[in-house]
Amino acid sequence: MTIALLFWIFALGCCGYAACFGGWEGRWFALIYIIQSLLTVAAAMGDFRWSDTNWPTFAIDLALLIALLVLALRTTRFWPLWVLGLHYITVSAHLASMMVQTVQVQIYFLVATLWSIPKLAIVVIGIQQDRRAGLAASPHERGP
């Protein structure tokens, strides 16, 4: 429970920062990340195990991967590429679970969830670097 609360505080803080200072890219990321996180919580309330492919979570992570790909293709910023790359590792954990008969629960869960905090940290660091480089989004920039 404490870990979940800390995650939500960190996620909301990072997404809030992204939405306020990251231009359309930050707002788009914040929206899709919060939606994905809420859907994952809802999926976790269902009856599933991590001992084989977690289909609801895989579907949610795959949708996020596609949304991040669209974001990365439409921006000139680098941080969305890093976030996309880390999220691809998460999706790869799901794909790997499909290729084996039984999966060690701890390993599957760890690989599928480990990258959440680094993704959020990269968003904040990337936006800070963009702002330092004078690449702050202008109000006239259009998003997707």
N, C-alpha and C. Protein backbone atom coordinates (compact mmCIF):
# COMPACT_ATOMS: atom_id res chain seq x y z
N MET A 1 0.82 -1.20 0.00
CA MET A 1 0.00 0.00 0.00
C MET A 1 0.86 1.26 0.00
N THR A 2 1.90 1.27 0.81
CA THR A 2 2.79 2.43 0.87
C THR A 2 3.50 2.63 -0.46
N ILE A 3 3.94 1.55 -1.09
CA ILE A 3 4.62 1.67 -2.37
C ILE A 3 3.67 2.23 -3.43
N ALA A 4 2.43 1.77 -3.42
CA ALA A 4 1.45 2.29 -4.37
C ALA A 4 1.20 3.78 -4.15
N LEU A 5 1.09 4.18 -2.90
CA LEU A 5 0.87 5.59 -2.59
C LEU A 5 2.06 6.44 -3.05
N LEU A 6 3.27 5.97 -2.77
CA LEU A 6 4.47 6.69 -3.22
C LEU A 6 4.53 6.77 -4.73
N PHE A 7 4.17 5.67 -5.41
CA PHE A 7 4.15 5.69 -6.87
C PHE A 7 3.19 6.77 -7.37
N TRP A 8 1.97 6.81 -6.82
CA TRP A 8 0.98 7.78 -7.28
C TRP A 8 1.42 9.21 -7.01
N ILE A 9 2.04 9.46 -5.88
CA ILE A 9 2.55 10.81 -5.59
C ILE A 9 3.61 11.19 -6.62
N PHE A 10 4.53 10.27 -6.88
CA PHE A 10 5.59 10.53 -7.85
C PHE A 10 5.01 10.70 -9.25
N ALA A 11 4.10 9.80 -9.64
CA ALA A 11 3.52 9.86 -10.99
C ALA A 11 2.74 11.15 -11.20
N LEU A 12 1.92 11.51 -10.23
CA LEU A 12 1.13 12.74 -10.38
C LEU A 12 2.03 13.98 -10.39
N GLY A 13 3.08 13.96 -9.59
CA GLY A 13 4.03 15.07 -9.61
C GLY A 13 4.74 15.20 -10.94
N CYS A 14 5.24 14.09 -11.45
CA CYS A 14 5.96 14.11 -12.73
C CYS A 14 5.02 14.47 -13.88
N CYS A 15 3.82 13.92 -13.87
CA CYS A 15 2.87 14.22 -14.94
C CYS A 15 2.39 15.67 -14.84
N GLY A 16 2.23 16.16 -13.63
CA GLY A 16 1.88 17.56 -13.46
C GLY A 16 2.96 18.48 -14.00
N TYR A 17 4.21 18.14 -13.70
CA TYR A 17 5.33 18.92 -14.22
C TYR A 17 5.35 18.87 -15.74
N ALA A 18 5.16 17.68 -16.30
CA ALA A 18 5.16 17.52 -17.75
C ALA A 18 4.04 18.33 -18.39
N ALA A 19 2.86 18.30 -17.79
CA ALA A 19 1.72 19.02 -18.34
C ALA A 19 1.94 20.54 -18.28
N CYS A 20 2.57 21.01 -17.22
CA CYS A 20 2.78 22.45 -17.06
C CYS A 20 3.94 22.99 -17.90
N PHE A 21 5.01 22.22 -18.02
CA PHE A 21 6.24 22.75 -18.62
C PHE A 21 6.71 22.01 -19.86
N GLY A 22 6.03 20.96 -20.26
CA GLY A 22 6.51 20.14 -21.37
C GLY A 22 5.85 20.38 -22.70
N GLY A 23 5.12 21.46 -22.83
CA GLY A 23 4.46 21.75 -24.12
C GLY A 23 3.39 20.71 -24.42
N TRP A 24 3.03 20.62 -25.67
CA TRP A 24 2.00 19.65 -26.04
C TRP A 24 2.47 18.22 -25.79
N GLU A 25 3.79 17.99 -25.93
CA GLU A 25 4.31 16.65 -25.68
C GLU A 25 4.10 16.24 -24.23
N GLY A 26 4.38 17.15 -23.31
CA GLY A 26 4.20 16.86 -21.90
C GLY A 26 2.74 16.64 -21.54
N ARG A 27 1.86 17.47 -22.10
CA ARG A 27 0.43 17.29 -21.83
C ARG A 27 -0.07 15.96 -22.38
N TRP A 28 0.35 15.62 -23.57
CA TRP A 28 -0.05 14.35 -24.19
C TRP A 28 0.47 13.18 -23.36
N PHE A 29 1.74 13.24 -22.96
CA PHE A 29 2.30 12.17 -22.14
C PHE A 29 1.55 12.05 -20.83
N ALA A 30 1.33 13.16 -20.15
CA ALA A 30 0.65 13.13 -18.84
C ALA A 30 -0.73 12.48 -18.98
N LEU A 31 -1.46 12.84 -20.01
CA LEU A 31 -2.79 12.29 -20.21
C LEU A 31 -2.74 10.79 -20.44
N ILE A 32 -1.90 10.35 -21.36
CA ILE A 32 -1.88 8.91 -21.67
C ILE A 32 -1.29 8.09 -20.53
N TYR A 33 -0.34 8.65 -19.80
CA TYR A 33 0.27 7.90 -18.71
C TYR A 33 -0.69 7.73 -17.54
N ILE A 34 -1.41 8.79 -17.21
CA ILE A 34 -2.38 8.69 -16.11
C ILE A 34 -3.51 7.74 -16.49
N ILE A 35 -4.00 7.83 -17.72
CA ILE A 35 -5.05 6.91 -18.17
C ILE A 35 -4.55 5.47 -18.10
N GLN A 36 -3.34 5.23 -18.58
CA GLN A 36 -2.77 3.88 -18.55
C GLN A 36 -2.62 3.39 -17.12
N SER A 37 -2.20 4.23 -16.23
CA SER A 37 -2.02 3.83 -14.83
C SER A 37 -3.36 3.48 -14.18
N LEU A 38 -4.38 4.30 -14.45
CA LEU A 38 -5.71 4.02 -13.89
C LEU A 38 -6.29 2.72 -14.46
N LEU A 39 -6.10 2.50 -15.75
CA LEU A 39 -6.57 1.26 -16.36
C LEU A 39 -5.84 0.05 -15.79
N THR A 40 -4.56 0.21 -15.51
CA THR A 40 -3.79 -0.89 -14.92
C THR A 40 -4.30 -1.21 -13.52
N VAL A 41 -4.62 -0.19 -12.74
CA VAL A 41 -5.19 -0.42 -11.41
C VAL A 41 -6.52 -1.16 -11.54
N ALA A 42 -7.36 -0.73 -12.48
CA ALA A 42 -8.65 -1.41 -12.68
C ALA A 42 -8.43 -2.86 -13.11
N ALA A 43 -7.47 -3.10 -13.97
CA ALA A 43 -7.19 -4.47 -14.42
C ALA A 43 -6.66 -5.32 -13.27
N ALA A 44 -5.92 -4.70 -12.37
CA ALA A 44 -5.37 -5.45 -11.23
C ALA A 44 -6.45 -5.90 -10.26
N MET A 45 -7.59 -5.24 -10.31
CA MET A 45 -8.68 -5.64 -9.44
C MET A 45 -9.36 -6.92 -9.92
N GLY A 46 -9.11 -7.28 -11.17
CA GLY A 46 -9.67 -8.52 -11.71
C GLY A 46 -8.92 -9.72 -11.17
N ASP A 47 -9.40 -10.88 -11.54
CA ASP A 47 -8.78 -12.12 -11.09
C ASP A 47 -7.77 -12.59 -12.12
N PHE A 48 -6.52 -12.25 -11.90
CA PHE A 48 -5.46 -12.72 -12.80
C PHE A 48 -4.22 -13.02 -11.99
N ARG A 49 -3.35 -13.76 -12.62
CA ARG A 49 -2.09 -14.14 -11.99
C ARG A 49 -0.94 -13.66 -12.85
N TRP A 50 0.21 -13.53 -12.27
CA TRP A 50 1.42 -13.20 -13.02
C TRP A 50 2.19 -14.47 -13.37
N SER A 51 1.60 -15.64 -13.19
CA SER A 51 2.32 -16.87 -13.48
C SER A 51 2.26 -17.24 -14.96
N ASP A 52 1.38 -16.60 -15.70
CA ASP A 52 1.38 -16.71 -17.16
C ASP A 52 1.08 -15.31 -17.70
N THR A 53 0.93 -15.16 -18.99
CA THR A 53 0.76 -13.83 -19.56
C THR A 53 -0.42 -13.11 -18.93
N ASN A 54 -0.17 -11.93 -18.49
CA ASN A 54 -1.19 -11.08 -17.88
C ASN A 54 -1.84 -10.28 -19.01
N TRP A 55 -2.88 -10.82 -19.61
CA TRP A 55 -3.48 -10.26 -20.81
C TRP A 55 -4.05 -8.86 -20.64
N PRO A 56 -4.78 -8.57 -19.57
CA PRO A 56 -5.28 -7.20 -19.43
C PRO A 56 -4.15 -6.16 -19.36
N THR A 57 -3.13 -6.46 -18.59
CA THR A 57 -2.01 -5.53 -18.46
C THR A 57 -1.24 -5.44 -19.77
N PHE A 58 -1.09 -6.56 -20.47
CA PHE A 58 -0.42 -6.54 -21.77
C PHE A 58 -1.17 -5.62 -22.74
N ALA A 59 -2.48 -5.72 -22.80
CA ALA A 59 -3.27 -4.89 -23.71
C ALA A 59 -3.10 -3.40 -23.37
N ILE A 60 -3.12 -3.09 -22.09
CA ILE A 60 -2.96 -1.70 -21.66
C ILE A 60 -1.56 -1.20 -22.00
N ASP A 61 -0.54 -2.02 -21.74
CA ASP A 61 0.84 -1.62 -22.04
C ASP A 61 1.07 -1.50 -23.55
N LEU A 62 0.45 -2.36 -24.32
CA LEU A 62 0.58 -2.28 -25.78
C LEU A 62 -0.07 -0.98 -26.29
N ALA A 63 -1.21 -0.62 -25.76
CA ALA A 63 -1.87 0.63 -26.15
C ALA A 63 -0.98 1.83 -25.80
N LEU A 64 -0.35 1.79 -24.62
CA LEU A 64 0.56 2.87 -24.24
C LEU A 64 1.76 2.91 -25.18
N LEU A 65 2.28 1.76 -25.55
CA LEU A 65 3.41 1.71 -26.48
C LEU A 65 3.04 2.40 -27.79
N ILE A 66 1.87 2.12 -28.31
CA ILE A 66 1.43 2.74 -29.56
C ILE A 66 1.29 4.25 -29.39
N ALA A 67 0.69 4.68 -28.28
CA ALA A 67 0.54 6.11 -28.03
C ALA A 67 1.90 6.80 -27.90
N LEU A 68 2.84 6.15 -27.23
CA LEU A 68 4.19 6.72 -27.10
C LEU A 68 4.91 6.76 -28.44
N LEU A 69 4.67 5.78 -29.28
CA LEU A 69 5.26 5.77 -30.63
C LEU A 69 4.73 6.96 -31.43
N VAL A 70 3.43 7.19 -31.38
CA VAL A 70 2.85 8.34 -32.07
C VAL A 70 3.48 9.63 -31.56
N LEU A 71 3.60 9.76 -30.25
CA LEU A 71 4.22 10.93 -29.65
C LEU A 71 5.66 11.09 -30.14
N ALA A 72 6.43 10.03 -30.10
CA ALA A 72 7.85 10.10 -30.50
C ALA A 72 8.00 10.47 -31.97
N LEU A 73 7.09 10.01 -32.80
CA LEU A 73 7.17 10.30 -34.23
C LEU A 73 6.75 11.73 -34.57
N ARG A 74 5.98 12.36 -33.70
CA ARG A 74 5.44 13.68 -33.99
C ARG A 74 6.21 14.82 -33.33
N THR A 75 7.22 14.50 -32.53
CA THR A 75 7.93 15.54 -31.79
C THR A 75 9.37 15.67 -32.27
N THR A 76 9.97 16.79 -31.90
CA THR A 76 11.40 16.99 -32.15
C THR A 76 12.21 16.80 -30.87
N ARG A 77 11.53 16.49 -29.78
CA ARG A 77 12.19 16.28 -28.49
C ARG A 77 12.74 14.85 -28.41
N PHE A 78 13.78 14.66 -27.60
CA PHE A 78 14.37 13.34 -27.46
C PHE A 78 13.79 12.50 -26.33
N TRP A 79 13.29 13.13 -25.27
CA TRP A 79 12.82 12.37 -24.12
C TRP A 79 11.71 11.38 -24.47
N PRO A 80 10.81 11.68 -25.41
CA PRO A 80 9.80 10.66 -25.73
C PRO A 80 10.40 9.37 -26.32
N LEU A 81 11.52 9.49 -27.02
CA LEU A 81 12.18 8.29 -27.54
C LEU A 81 12.71 7.42 -26.41
N TRP A 82 13.28 8.05 -25.39
CA TRP A 82 13.78 7.30 -24.25
C TRP A 82 12.65 6.60 -23.51
N VAL A 83 11.56 7.32 -23.32
CA VAL A 83 10.41 6.73 -22.63
C VAL A 83 9.85 5.58 -23.45
N LEU A 84 9.76 5.77 -24.76
CA LEU A 84 9.30 4.70 -25.65
C LEU A 84 10.20 3.47 -25.53
N GLY A 85 11.50 3.68 -25.53
CA GLY A 85 12.44 2.56 -25.42
C GLY A 85 12.29 1.79 -24.11
N LEU A 86 12.15 2.50 -23.03
CA LEU A 86 11.96 1.82 -21.74
C LEU A 86 10.62 1.09 -21.69
N HIS A 87 9.61 1.70 -22.27
CA HIS A 87 8.30 1.02 -22.26
C HIS A 87 8.31 -0.20 -23.16
N TYR A 88 9.12 -0.18 -24.20
CA TYR A 88 9.25 -1.36 -25.05
C TYR A 88 9.78 -2.55 -24.25
N ILE A 89 10.65 -2.30 -23.29
CA ILE A 89 11.14 -3.38 -22.43
C ILE A 89 9.98 -3.97 -21.64
N THR A 90 9.08 -3.12 -21.16
CA THR A 90 7.90 -3.61 -20.43
C THR A 90 7.07 -4.51 -21.32
N VAL A 91 6.80 -4.07 -22.54
CA VAL A 91 6.00 -4.88 -23.47
C VAL A 91 6.74 -6.16 -23.83
N SER A 92 8.05 -6.08 -23.94
CA SER A 92 8.84 -7.28 -24.24
C SER A 92 8.72 -8.33 -23.14
N ALA A 93 8.56 -7.90 -21.90
CA ALA A 93 8.36 -8.86 -20.81
C ALA A 93 7.08 -9.64 -21.02
N HIS A 94 6.04 -8.96 -21.47
CA HIS A 94 4.78 -9.64 -21.78
C HIS A 94 4.97 -10.61 -22.95
N LEU A 95 5.67 -10.17 -23.97
CA LEU A 95 5.91 -11.03 -25.14
C LEU A 95 6.72 -12.26 -24.75
N ALA A 96 7.70 -12.07 -23.89
CA ALA A 96 8.50 -13.21 -23.44
C ALA A 96 7.64 -14.20 -22.66
N SER A 97 6.69 -13.69 -21.88
CA SER A 97 5.83 -14.59 -21.11
C SER A 97 4.95 -15.44 -22.02
N MET A 98 4.71 -14.97 -23.23
CA MET A 98 3.90 -15.75 -24.18
C MET A 98 4.68 -16.91 -24.78
N MET A 99 5.99 -16.82 -24.73
CA MET A 99 6.83 -17.80 -25.39
C MET A 99 7.28 -18.93 -24.48
N VAL A 100 6.98 -18.85 -23.22
CA VAL A 100 7.35 -19.91 -22.29
C VAL A 100 6.09 -20.46 -21.63
N GLN A 101 6.17 -21.68 -21.19
CA GLN A 101 4.99 -22.32 -20.60
C GLN A 101 4.64 -21.75 -19.23
N THR A 102 5.63 -21.65 -18.38
CA THR A 102 5.39 -21.07 -17.06
C THR A 102 6.44 -19.99 -16.83
N VAL A 103 6.03 -18.98 -16.15
CA VAL A 103 6.90 -17.84 -15.89
C VAL A 103 7.08 -17.71 -14.39
N GLN A 104 8.29 -17.41 -13.98
CA GLN A 104 8.50 -17.11 -12.57
C GLN A 104 7.80 -15.79 -12.26
N VAL A 105 6.87 -15.85 -11.36
CA VAL A 105 6.01 -14.72 -11.07
C VAL A 105 6.80 -13.46 -10.74
N GLN A 106 7.78 -13.58 -9.88
CA GLN A 106 8.54 -12.42 -9.44
C GLN A 106 9.31 -11.76 -10.59
N ILE A 107 9.88 -12.58 -11.46
CA ILE A 107 10.67 -12.03 -12.56
C ILE A 107 9.77 -11.31 -13.55
N TYR A 108 8.67 -11.94 -13.93
CA TYR A 108 7.73 -11.34 -14.87
C TYR A 108 7.20 -10.02 -14.32
N PHE A 109 6.73 -10.02 -13.09
CA PHE A 109 6.19 -8.82 -12.48
C PHE A 109 7.27 -7.73 -12.40
N LEU A 110 8.47 -8.11 -11.98
CA LEU A 110 9.55 -7.13 -11.84
C LEU A 110 9.90 -6.49 -13.18
N VAL A 111 10.10 -7.30 -14.22
CA VAL A 111 10.49 -6.75 -15.52
C VAL A 111 9.36 -5.91 -16.12
N ALA A 112 8.11 -6.32 -15.89
CA ALA A 112 6.98 -5.59 -16.45
C ALA A 112 6.70 -4.27 -15.73
N THR A 113 7.14 -4.14 -14.49
CA THR A 113 6.82 -2.94 -13.72
C THR A 113 8.04 -2.09 -13.35
N LEU A 114 9.22 -2.63 -13.48
CA LEU A 114 10.45 -1.98 -13.03
C LEU A 114 10.68 -0.61 -13.66
N TRP A 115 10.27 -0.43 -14.89
CA TRP A 115 10.64 0.77 -15.64
C TRP A 115 9.70 1.95 -15.42
N SER A 116 8.70 1.80 -14.58
CA SER A 116 7.75 2.89 -14.36
C SER A 116 8.41 4.14 -13.80
N ILE A 117 9.21 3.99 -12.78
CA ILE A 117 9.86 5.14 -12.16
C ILE A 117 10.91 5.77 -13.07
N PRO A 118 11.79 4.98 -13.71
CA PRO A 118 12.75 5.61 -14.64
C PRO A 118 12.07 6.35 -15.79
N LYS A 119 10.94 5.83 -16.30
CA LYS A 119 10.22 6.54 -17.38
C LYS A 119 9.79 7.92 -16.90
N LEU A 120 9.21 7.98 -15.72
CA LEU A 120 8.75 9.26 -15.21
C LEU A 120 9.92 10.21 -14.94
N ALA A 121 11.01 9.68 -14.41
CA ALA A 121 12.19 10.51 -14.17
C ALA A 121 12.76 11.07 -15.47
N ILE A 122 12.77 10.25 -16.52
CA ILE A 122 13.27 10.71 -17.82
C ILE A 122 12.42 11.83 -18.37
N VAL A 123 11.12 11.75 -18.17
CA VAL A 123 10.23 12.83 -18.63
C VAL A 123 10.63 14.15 -17.98
N VAL A 124 10.77 14.14 -16.67
CA VAL A 124 11.12 15.37 -15.95
C VAL A 124 12.51 15.86 -16.36
N ILE A 125 13.48 14.98 -16.39
CA ILE A 125 14.84 15.38 -16.76
C ILE A 125 14.88 15.89 -18.19
N GLY A 126 14.19 15.19 -19.09
CA GLY A 126 14.17 15.61 -20.49
C GLY A 126 13.55 16.98 -20.68
N ILE A 127 12.45 17.23 -20.00
CA ILE A 127 11.79 18.54 -20.11
C ILE A 127 12.68 19.62 -19.50
N GLN A 128 13.34 19.31 -18.38
CA GLN A 128 14.26 20.29 -17.80
C GLN A 128 15.39 20.61 -18.77
N GLN A 129 15.94 19.59 -19.41
CA GLN A 129 17.02 19.81 -20.37
C GLN A 129 16.54 20.63 -21.57
N ASP A 130 15.34 20.35 -22.05
CA ASP A 130 14.78 21.14 -23.15
C ASP A 130 14.63 22.60 -22.74
N ARG A 131 14.16 22.83 -21.54
CA ARG A 131 13.98 24.20 -21.07
C ARG A 131 15.32 24.91 -20.91
N ARG A 132 16.32 24.21 -20.41
CA ARG A 132 17.66 24.80 -20.27
C ARG A 132 18.26 25.14 -21.62
N ALA A 133 17.96 24.34 -22.61
CA ALA A 133 18.48 24.57 -23.96
C ALA A 133 17.66 25.61 -24.72
N GLY A 134 16.65 26.15 -24.07
CA GLY A 134 15.82 27.16 -24.71
C GLY A 134 14.80 26.56 -25.66
N LEU A 135 14.47 25.32 -25.47
CA LEU A 135 13.52 24.65 -26.34
C LEU A 135 12.13 24.58 -25.72
N ALA A 136 11.85 25.48 -24.80
CA ALA A 136 10.52 25.48 -24.19
C ALA A 136 9.48 25.66 -25.29
N ALA A 137 8.40 24.96 -25.15
CA ALA A 137 7.36 24.99 -26.16
C ALA A 137 6.74 26.38 -26.26
N SER A 138 6.54 26.80 -27.49
CA SER A 138 5.85 28.07 -27.69
C SER A 138 4.35 27.81 -27.67
N PRO A 139 3.56 28.81 -27.35
CA PRO A 139 2.11 28.60 -27.30
C PRO A 139 1.51 28.29 -28.65
N HIS A 140 2.28 28.50 -29.72
CA HIS A 140 1.76 28.28 -31.07
C HIS A 140 2.04 26.88 -31.59
N GLU A 141 2.84 26.10 -30.86
CA GLU A 141 3.12 24.73 -31.29
C GLU A 141 1.86 23.91 -31.23
N ARG A 142 1.68 23.09 -32.23
CA ARG A 142 0.50 22.23 -32.28
C ARG A 142 0.90 20.81 -32.02
N GLY A 143 0.06 20.14 -31.33
CA GLY A 143 0.28 18.72 -31.03
C GLY A 143 -0.47 17.82 -31.97
N PRO A 144 -0.58 16.54 -31.59
CA PRO A 144 -1.21 15.57 -32.48
C PRO A 144 -2.65 15.83 -32.72
